Amino acid sequence: MLFNAVEHGDPEAPITVRTGCCNDEVWAAVTNRGAIPAEERPKIFEPFRRRTTSKGLGLGLYIARALVEAHGGTIAVECENDETMFLIKLPLQAGDEMQPHDDRPPA
């Protein structure tokens, strides 16, 4: 998210990174100047979605969403007043559906 803010945001405007903890979750928000067009927002977390001026493959936000959701969290984008904010929320404790996974073969 921070890399995207640097690459796609207004180079003359600051990027704000905020973090916090509320109730049973932690959160991180990255805000930059410049809005993502409304028609692009619903598909922004899909793979290979990128602007023609982008240097990457368009997988960063797709992978970010997969990682956040794998940990029981959410990721969202909001645009308002020519600013874009990405917000990640993660639970402080893993839910019952999340179990440790070990890919090592048995000894």
Protein backbone atom coordinates (compact mmCIF):
# COMPACT_ATOMS: atom_id res chain seq x y z
CA MET A 1 0.00 0.00 0.00
CA LEU A 2 2.77 2.40 0.85
CA PHE A 3 4.57 1.67 -2.41
CA ASN A 4 1.34 2.28 -4.34
CA ALA A 5 0.87 5.59 -2.52
CA VAL A 6 4.35 6.66 -3.57
CA GLU A 7 3.96 5.44 -7.15
CA HIS A 8 0.42 6.66 -7.84
CA GLY A 9 -0.08 9.57 -5.45
CA ASP A 10 0.68 13.23 -5.94
CA PRO A 11 4.48 13.57 -5.61
CA GLU A 12 4.02 17.05 -4.09
CA ALA A 13 1.64 15.88 -1.34
CA PRO A 14 2.48 14.01 1.86
CA ILE A 15 1.61 10.37 2.46
CA THR A 16 0.08 9.66 5.86
CA VAL A 17 0.53 6.33 7.61
CA ARG A 18 -1.49 5.76 10.77
CA THR A 19 -1.81 2.67 12.95
CA GLY A 20 -3.84 1.84 15.99
CA CYS A 21 -5.63 -0.69 18.12
CA CYS A 22 -9.34 -0.64 18.88
CA ASN A 23 -11.40 -3.25 20.68
CA ASP A 24 -10.24 -6.63 19.37
CA GLU A 25 -8.40 -5.48 16.26
CA VAL A 26 -5.37 -3.59 15.03
CA TRP A 27 -5.50 -1.35 11.99
CA ALA A 28 -3.25 0.49 9.56
CA ALA A 29 -4.27 3.26 7.16
CA VAL A 30 -2.27 4.76 4.29
CA THR A 31 -3.62 7.99 2.80
CA ASN A 32 -2.32 9.92 -0.19
CA ARG A 33 -3.48 12.71 -2.49
CA GLY A 34 -5.26 11.61 -5.65
CA ALA A 35 -8.41 9.58 -6.11
CA ILE A 36 -8.88 6.24 -7.83
CA PRO A 37 -11.68 6.53 -10.39
CA ALA A 38 -14.96 5.14 -9.04
CA GLU A 39 -15.27 2.60 -11.87
CA GLU A 40 -11.86 1.08 -10.99
CA ARG A 41 -12.41 0.68 -7.24
CA PRO A 42 -14.63 -2.46 -7.26
CA LYS A 43 -11.92 -4.43 -9.09
CA ILE A 44 -8.80 -2.93 -7.55
CA PHE A 45 -7.96 -6.07 -5.54
CA GLU A 46 -8.23 -8.41 -8.53
CA PRO A 47 -5.02 -9.87 -10.01
CA PHE A 48 -3.27 -8.09 -12.89
CA ARG A 49 -5.18 -4.84 -12.31
CA ARG A 50 -2.79 -1.99 -12.94
CA ARG A 51 -2.52 1.34 -14.63
CA THR A 52 -0.72 1.46 -17.94
CA THR A 53 1.91 3.67 -16.30
CA SER A 54 2.60 1.12 -13.53
CA LYS A 55 5.90 -0.69 -13.33
CA GLY A 56 4.56 -3.81 -11.60
CA LEU A 57 2.44 -6.75 -12.68
CA GLY A 58 -0.70 -5.64 -10.86
CA LEU A 59 -0.45 -8.31 -8.16
CA GLY A 60 0.45 -6.24 -5.08
CA LEU A 61 -3.05 -5.40 -3.87
CA TYR A 62 -4.30 -8.86 -4.82
CA ILE A 63 -1.58 -10.47 -2.68
CA ALA A 64 -2.14 -7.96 0.13
CA ARG A 65 -5.84 -8.85 0.22
CA ALA A 66 -5.09 -12.59 0.22
CA LEU A 67 -2.66 -12.21 3.14
CA VAL A 68 -4.98 -9.98 5.15
CA GLU A 69 -7.98 -12.27 4.63
CA ALA A 70 -5.89 -15.36 5.44
CA HIS A 71 -5.32 -13.80 8.85
CA GLY A 72 -9.03 -13.06 9.37
CA GLY A 73 -8.82 -9.39 8.48
CA THR A 74 -10.18 -6.96 5.94
CA ILE A 75 -8.68 -4.49 3.49
CA ALA A 76 -10.60 -1.67 1.86
CA VAL A 77 -10.07 1.42 -0.26
CA GLU A 78 -11.93 4.70 0.17
CA CYS A 79 -11.66 7.84 -1.94
CA GLU A 80 -12.93 11.21 -0.78
CA ASN A 81 -11.99 14.84 -1.41
CA ASP A 82 -9.20 13.90 -3.87
CA GLU A 83 -7.59 11.54 -1.35
CA THR A 84 -7.26 7.76 -1.34
CA MET A 85 -7.08 5.72 1.85
CA PHE A 86 -6.32 2.02 2.14
CA LEU A 87 -7.37 0.55 5.47
CA ILE A 88 -6.32 -2.84 6.83
CA LYS A 89 -7.93 -4.33 9.94
CA LEU A 90 -6.65 -7.50 11.61
CA PRO A 91 -7.99 -9.36 14.64
CA LEU A 92 -5.79 -9.38 17.73
CA GLN A 93 -6.45 -13.08 18.22
CA ALA A 94 -6.82 -15.76 15.59
CA GLY A 95 -10.32 -17.18 15.22
CA ASP A 96 -11.22 -20.83 15.72
CA GLU A 97 -11.14 -21.43 11.97
CA MET A 98 -7.46 -20.47 11.81
CA GLN A 99 -5.06 -23.28 12.66
CA PRO A 100 -1.26 -23.33 12.49
CA HIS A 101 -0.03 -24.94 9.31
CA ASP A 102 3.24 -26.83 9.03
CA ASP A 103 4.42 -27.87 5.56
CA ARG A 104 7.41 -29.80 6.84
CA PRO A 105 7.36 -33.55 6.21
CA PRO A 106 7.13 -35.76 9.31
CA ALA A 107 10.52 -36.71 10.79
